[in-house]
Amino acid sequence: MKASTAAHRTSAAASPARARWAGVAMMLASGTSNQAGAAIGALAFPVIGPAGVVAVRQWVAAAVLLAVGRPRLRAFTRAQWRPVLALAAVFATMNLSLYTAVDRIGLGLAVTLEFLGPLTVALAGSRRRVDLACALAAGAGVVVLTRPQPTSDYLGLGLGLLAACCWAGYILLNRSIGRTLPGAEGSAAAAGLSGLLFVPVGAAVLVLHPPTPAALACAAAAGVLSSAVPFLADLLALRRVPARFFGVFMSVNPVLAAAAGLLILGETLHWTQWTGILAIVTANLVSVLTTRRAPAAPVRPRGGAAPR
């Protein structure tokens, strides 16, 4: 009897550890899939351009989210529609600006600049000295990445920063939608509207630049790997790891993006650019790891995070 009780306690103690490691594996799969999808989508740029790739990706994301979220559009009130419409515009602008930046400055730098969006949201309003130090470190990283040179692509850098602003807006709008709509209904509706916005754009691009089967396959793969897979993996991971730990793990995305750019696109980074990436990643890690948990009781979320 005592042996059975001891075995039960050992199993119970090991279960959270197994769940944590399973969550880590899912988060790693999510980040790797997301960045690999972006790199594979970039392979279609010479044929259909960033706009064509984003159009196909948005259509795939819309199909996935509408199937999962099943929004009851007729039940939405005017107050609920406002943030949904704003999120649809952010969806469209964020992905188009990011993929255009990837085409001009490379995947690693574009994703690192975009990562400033959630970092800014995390640091905004904080009065802690450590967060001020993190903001300064991230700012130094941006300076290193965007330092003026005769060969600097200022439009590409600006588009990366625009994607960062959109990601910050994406986070804030999702919080607002999560308080008024259940599950993924709001995000699904926004993804569907965003897909509709790209119908005329995508149709025009595909008519002017007839796609090859390989280009369409790469663009569709971007939609699956960068939207469908991360959405499912993140939902499963958030059931196994704390949201705070999930936020820490997001910091690996710029590094994964640089690795995907190297392995799939043959992009290389100078050591100074790696320094800038690591400065921004470290700033986020320090900020999240030093944040004290609120003593309030936990609140059950109404829905999972939507794919970008």
Protein backbone atom coordinates (compact mmCIF):
# COMPACT_ATOMS: atom_id res chain seq x y z
CA MET A 1 0.00 0.00 0.00
CA LYS A 2 2.81 2.38 0.95
CA ALA A 3 4.70 1.47 -2.21
CA SER A 4 1.61 2.21 -4.31
CA THR A 5 1.13 5.60 -2.64
CA ALA A 6 4.78 6.51 -3.18
CA ALA A 7 4.56 5.51 -6.82
CA HIS A 8 1.43 7.64 -7.23
CA ARG A 9 3.18 10.65 -5.73
CA THR A 10 6.18 10.16 -7.99
CA SER A 11 3.94 9.95 -11.03
CA ALA A 12 2.04 13.09 -10.00
CA ALA A 13 5.29 14.98 -9.48
CA ALA A 14 6.64 13.84 -12.83
CA SER A 15 3.44 14.74 -14.70
CA PRO A 16 3.90 18.56 -14.51
CA ALA A 17 7.50 18.14 -15.64
CA ARG A 18 6.40 16.06 -18.64
CA ALA A 19 3.72 18.63 -19.46
CA ARG A 20 6.29 21.45 -19.26
CA TRP A 21 8.67 19.66 -21.62
CA ALA A 22 5.81 18.86 -23.99
CA GLY A 23 4.86 22.56 -23.94
CA VAL A 24 8.45 23.55 -24.71
CA ALA A 25 8.52 21.14 -27.65
CA MET A 26 5.27 22.59 -28.98
CA MET A 27 6.51 26.18 -28.64
CA LEU A 28 9.73 25.28 -30.42
CA ALA A 29 7.71 23.60 -33.18
CA SER A 30 5.48 26.68 -33.42
CA GLY A 31 8.38 29.13 -33.74
CA THR A 32 10.29 26.93 -36.16
CA SER A 33 7.22 26.37 -38.31
CA ASN A 34 6.37 30.08 -38.32
CA GLN A 35 9.81 31.23 -39.45
CA ALA A 36 10.33 28.33 -41.86
CA GLY A 37 6.97 29.15 -43.43
CA ALA A 38 8.02 32.78 -43.91
CA ALA A 39 11.29 31.67 -45.51
CA ILE A 40 9.54 29.20 -47.83
CA GLY A 41 7.04 31.89 -48.80
CA ALA A 42 9.95 34.18 -49.69
CA LEU A 43 11.04 31.63 -52.30
CA ALA A 44 7.97 32.67 -54.34
CA PHE A 45 8.88 36.38 -54.32
CA PRO A 46 10.64 36.30 -57.73
CA VAL A 47 7.46 34.95 -59.34
CA ILE A 48 4.48 36.60 -57.58
CA GLY A 49 6.16 39.11 -55.27
CA PRO A 50 5.47 39.74 -51.57
CA ALA A 51 1.89 40.92 -52.25
CA GLY A 52 1.03 37.69 -54.05
CA VAL A 53 2.52 35.55 -51.29
CA VAL A 54 0.70 37.52 -48.57
CA ALA A 55 -2.60 37.25 -50.46
CA VAL A 56 -2.36 33.45 -50.62
CA ARG A 57 -1.21 33.30 -46.98
CA GLN A 58 -4.15 35.47 -45.85
CA TRP A 59 -6.60 33.26 -47.72
CA VAL A 60 -5.19 30.15 -46.05
CA ALA A 61 -5.23 31.82 -42.62
CA ALA A 62 -8.82 32.94 -43.17
CA ALA A 63 -9.92 29.41 -44.13
CA VAL A 64 -8.22 27.93 -41.05
CA LEU A 65 -9.56 30.47 -38.58
CA LEU A 66 -13.09 30.54 -39.97
CA ALA A 67 -13.21 26.74 -39.71
CA VAL A 68 -11.93 26.81 -36.12
CA GLY A 69 -13.59 29.96 -34.77
CA ARG A 70 -16.96 29.66 -36.56
CA PRO A 71 -17.91 33.29 -35.88
CA ARG A 72 -21.61 34.13 -35.60
CA LEU A 73 -21.33 37.33 -37.63
CA ARG A 74 -25.01 38.24 -37.46
CA ALA A 75 -24.85 38.29 -33.67
CA PHE A 76 -22.00 40.84 -33.55
CA THR A 77 -22.97 44.26 -32.21
CA ARG A 78 -21.66 47.54 -33.59
CA ALA A 79 -19.33 47.87 -30.59
CA GLN A 80 -17.96 44.38 -31.27
CA TRP A 81 -17.47 45.04 -34.97
CA ARG A 82 -15.25 48.11 -34.45
CA PRO A 83 -12.21 46.29 -33.00
CA VAL A 84 -12.78 43.38 -35.42
CA LEU A 85 -12.59 45.73 -38.40
CA ALA A 86 -9.49 47.38 -36.94
CA LEU A 87 -7.86 43.97 -36.41
CA ALA A 88 -8.63 42.99 -40.01
CA ALA A 89 -6.80 46.11 -41.22
CA VAL A 90 -3.90 45.35 -38.88
CA PHE A 91 -3.73 41.73 -40.12
CA ALA A 92 -3.45 42.89 -43.71
CA THR A 93 -0.96 45.69 -43.08
CA MET A 94 1.23 43.67 -40.72
CA ASN A 95 1.81 40.74 -43.04
CA LEU A 96 2.22 42.83 -46.19
CA SER A 97 4.74 45.18 -44.53
CA LEU A 98 6.65 42.25 -42.97
CA TYR A 99 6.93 40.23 -46.17
CA THR A 100 7.93 43.29 -48.18
CA ALA A 101 10.59 44.01 -45.54
CA VAL A 102 11.77 40.39 -45.78
CA ASP A 103 12.15 40.85 -49.53
CA ARG A 104 14.30 43.98 -49.02
CA ILE A 105 16.37 43.41 -45.85
CA GLY A 106 16.13 39.66 -45.17
CA LEU A 107 14.11 37.49 -42.82
CA GLY A 108 16.30 37.76 -39.71
CA LEU A 109 16.42 41.57 -39.61
CA ALA A 110 12.76 42.01 -40.58
CA VAL A 111 11.47 39.68 -37.84
CA THR A 112 13.79 41.26 -35.26
CA LEU A 113 12.45 44.72 -36.04
CA GLU A 114 8.88 43.39 -35.95
CA PHE A 115 9.62 41.88 -32.53
CA LEU A 116 9.93 45.42 -31.14
CA GLY A 117 6.11 45.56 -31.22
CA PRO A 118 5.38 43.12 -28.38
CA LEU A 119 8.46 44.32 -26.51
CA THR A 120 7.13 47.89 -26.58
CA VAL A 121 3.74 46.73 -25.34
CA ALA A 122 5.45 44.85 -22.49
CA LEU A 123 7.53 47.86 -21.46
CA ALA A 124 4.93 50.59 -21.99
CA GLY A 125 3.80 52.27 -18.81
CA SER A 126 6.37 50.55 -16.62
CA ARG A 127 8.32 52.65 -14.11
CA ARG A 128 10.80 49.97 -13.11
CA ARG A 129 14.44 50.80 -13.61
CA VAL A 130 15.10 47.35 -15.05
CA ASP A 131 12.49 47.98 -17.76
CA LEU A 132 14.10 51.32 -18.57
CA ALA A 133 17.41 49.51 -18.94
CA CYS A 134 15.72 46.92 -21.19
CA ALA A 135 14.23 49.68 -23.34
CA LEU A 136 17.65 51.31 -23.69
CA ALA A 137 19.24 47.96 -24.58
CA ALA A 138 16.56 47.29 -27.20
CA GLY A 139 17.02 50.81 -28.56
CA ALA A 140 20.77 50.21 -28.84
CA GLY A 141 20.02 46.98 -30.72
CA VAL A 142 17.83 48.89 -33.17
CA VAL A 143 20.56 51.47 -33.70
CA VAL A 144 23.03 48.68 -34.47
CA LEU A 145 20.61 47.07 -36.93
CA THR A 146 19.58 50.31 -38.66
CA ARG A 147 22.84 52.29 -38.52
CA PRO A 148 23.04 54.58 -41.57
CA GLN A 149 25.22 53.28 -44.39
CA PRO A 150 25.37 54.00 -48.11
CA THR A 151 23.83 50.58 -48.75
CA SER A 152 21.11 50.81 -46.08
CA ASP A 153 17.61 49.99 -47.33
CA TYR A 154 15.64 52.60 -45.42
CA LEU A 155 12.33 51.58 -46.95
CA GLY A 156 12.88 47.97 -45.85
CA LEU A 157 13.85 49.09 -42.35
CA GLY A 158 10.81 51.36 -42.18
CA LEU A 159 8.51 48.54 -43.26
CA GLY A 160 9.98 46.32 -40.54
CA LEU A 161 9.19 49.01 -37.97
CA LEU A 162 5.68 49.40 -39.44
CA ALA A 163 5.19 45.66 -38.93
CA ALA A 164 6.28 46.17 -35.31
CA CYS A 165 3.64 48.88 -34.81
CA CYS A 166 1.04 46.57 -36.34
CA TRP A 167 2.05 43.69 -34.05
CA ALA A 168 1.64 45.97 -31.03
CA GLY A 169 -1.80 46.95 -32.29
CA TYR A 170 -2.59 43.27 -32.93
CA ILE A 171 -1.86 42.44 -29.28
CA LEU A 172 -3.95 45.32 -27.91
CA LEU A 173 -6.88 44.67 -30.24
CA ASN A 174 -6.88 40.95 -29.45
CA ARG A 175 -7.10 41.80 -25.75
CA SER A 176 -10.08 44.04 -26.43
CA ILE A 177 -11.80 41.47 -28.64
CA GLY A 178 -11.15 38.71 -26.10
CA ARG A 179 -13.16 40.64 -23.51
CA THR A 180 -16.23 40.98 -25.73
CA LEU A 181 -16.33 37.88 -27.95
CA PRO A 182 -15.98 34.22 -26.96
CA GLY A 183 -13.30 31.86 -28.21
CA ALA A 184 -11.63 32.78 -31.49
CA GLU A 185 -14.75 34.28 -33.07
CA GLY A 186 -13.35 37.81 -33.26
CA SER A 187 -9.99 36.76 -34.64
CA ALA A 188 -11.70 34.44 -37.14
CA ALA A 189 -13.94 37.25 -38.37
CA ALA A 190 -10.94 39.59 -38.66
CA ALA A 191 -8.95 36.97 -40.60
CA GLY A 192 -11.87 36.42 -42.95
CA LEU A 193 -12.24 40.14 -43.62
CA SER A 194 -8.49 40.46 -44.11
CA GLY A 195 -8.63 37.65 -46.64
CA LEU A 196 -11.41 39.50 -48.48
CA LEU A 197 -9.29 42.67 -48.57
CA PHE A 198 -6.62 40.73 -50.44
CA VAL A 199 -8.99 39.29 -53.06
CA PRO A 200 -8.64 42.23 -55.50
CA VAL A 201 -4.95 42.69 -54.67
CA GLY A 202 -4.15 39.01 -55.03
CA ALA A 203 -6.23 38.65 -58.20
CA ALA A 204 -4.45 41.60 -59.82
CA VAL A 205 -1.01 40.33 -58.85
CA LEU A 206 -1.69 36.79 -60.03
CA VAL A 207 -3.06 38.06 -63.37
CA LEU A 208 -0.11 40.38 -63.97
CA HIS A 209 2.40 37.79 -62.73
CA PRO A 210 1.06 34.32 -63.60
CA PRO A 211 2.15 31.97 -60.83
CA THR A 212 3.92 28.70 -61.33
CA PRO A 213 2.74 25.63 -59.39
CA ALA A 214 5.91 25.81 -57.31
CA ALA A 215 5.29 29.46 -56.39
CA LEU A 216 1.69 28.74 -55.38
CA ALA A 217 2.87 25.77 -53.32
CA CYS A 218 5.43 27.95 -51.50
CA ALA A 219 2.84 30.65 -50.78
CA ALA A 220 0.30 28.09 -49.55
CA ALA A 221 2.98 26.47 -47.40
CA ALA A 222 3.59 29.89 -45.82
CA GLY A 223 -0.09 30.06 -44.90
CA VAL A 224 -0.10 26.59 -43.36
CA LEU A 225 3.27 26.74 -41.60
CA SER A 226 2.99 30.37 -40.44
CA SER A 227 -0.70 30.37 -39.51
CA ALA A 228 -2.35 26.97 -39.06
CA VAL A 229 0.51 25.10 -37.36
CA PRO A 230 1.47 27.92 -34.91
CA PHE A 231 -2.19 28.44 -34.00
CA LEU A 232 -2.69 24.80 -33.02
CA ALA A 233 0.73 24.43 -31.38
CA ASP A 234 0.33 27.63 -29.33
CA LEU A 235 -3.12 26.59 -28.11
CA LEU A 236 -1.77 23.22 -26.95
CA ALA A 237 1.36 24.78 -25.43
CA LEU A 238 -0.62 27.33 -23.39
CA ARG A 239 -2.45 24.43 -21.74
CA ARG A 240 0.88 23.06 -20.47
CA VAL A 241 3.03 26.10 -19.63
CA PRO A 242 2.33 29.42 -17.85
CA ALA A 243 1.61 32.43 -20.06
CA ARG A 244 4.69 34.13 -18.57
CA PHE A 245 6.93 31.27 -19.70
CA PHE A 246 5.27 31.37 -23.11
CA GLY A 247 6.16 35.06 -23.37
CA VAL A 248 9.79 34.33 -22.53
CA PHE A 249 10.00 31.67 -25.21
CA MET A 250 8.75 34.10 -27.87
CA SER A 251 12.19 35.70 -27.65
CA VAL A 252 13.71 32.91 -29.73
CA ASN A 253 11.76 33.95 -32.83
CA PRO A 254 14.32 36.46 -34.17
CA VAL A 255 17.05 33.84 -33.75
CA LEU A 256 14.88 31.19 -35.45
CA ALA A 257 14.17 33.67 -38.25
CA ALA A 258 17.88 34.31 -38.78
CA ALA A 259 18.51 30.55 -38.84
CA ALA A 260 15.68 29.97 -41.33
CA GLY A 261 17.00 32.77 -43.51
CA LEU A 262 20.44 31.17 -43.49
CA LEU A 263 19.33 27.59 -44.14
CA ILE A 264 16.49 28.17 -46.61
CA LEU A 265 17.30 31.50 -48.27
CA GLY A 266 21.08 31.54 -47.94
CA GLU A 267 21.03 34.86 -46.04
CA THR A 268 24.03 35.74 -43.90
CA LEU A 269 24.31 38.33 -41.14
CA HIS A 270 27.28 40.40 -40.06
CA TRP A 271 28.43 39.97 -36.46
CA THR A 272 27.17 43.49 -35.68
CA GLN A 273 23.69 42.49 -36.85
CA TRP A 274 23.80 39.40 -34.67
CA THR A 275 24.75 41.71 -31.77
CA GLY A 276 21.68 43.86 -32.42
CA ILE A 277 19.41 40.80 -32.57
CA LEU A 278 20.80 39.42 -29.31
CA ALA A 279 20.42 42.83 -27.61
CA ILE A 280 16.71 42.96 -28.46
CA VAL A 281 16.16 39.31 -27.49
CA THR A 282 18.01 39.78 -24.19
CA ALA A 283 16.00 42.92 -23.39
CA ASN A 284 12.77 40.95 -23.73
CA LEU A 285 14.08 38.03 -21.67
CA VAL A 286 15.21 40.26 -18.81
CA SER A 287 11.96 42.22 -18.82
CA VAL A 288 9.76 39.11 -18.66
CA LEU A 289 11.91 37.17 -16.19
CA THR A 290 12.06 40.07 -13.73
CA THR A 291 8.33 40.79 -13.86
CA ARG A 292 6.61 39.93 -10.60
CA ARG A 293 3.46 37.93 -10.78
CA ALA A 294 0.30 39.62 -9.60
CA PRO A 295 -1.20 38.11 -6.44
CA ALA A 296 -4.70 38.11 -7.89
CA ALA A 297 -6.52 34.85 -8.57
CA PRO A 298 -6.04 33.43 -12.06
CA VAL A 299 -8.65 34.24 -14.67
CA ARG A 300 -9.70 31.65 -17.21
CA PRO A 301 -9.05 33.02 -20.72
CA ARG A 302 -11.98 33.21 -23.10
CA GLY A 303 -10.00 32.09 -26.10
CA GLY A 304 -6.57 31.24 -27.45
CA ALA A 305 -4.16 33.41 -29.33
CA ALA A 306 -4.90 33.80 -33.01
CA PRO A 307 -2.33 33.17 -35.68
CA ARG A 308 -0.70 36.09 -37.39
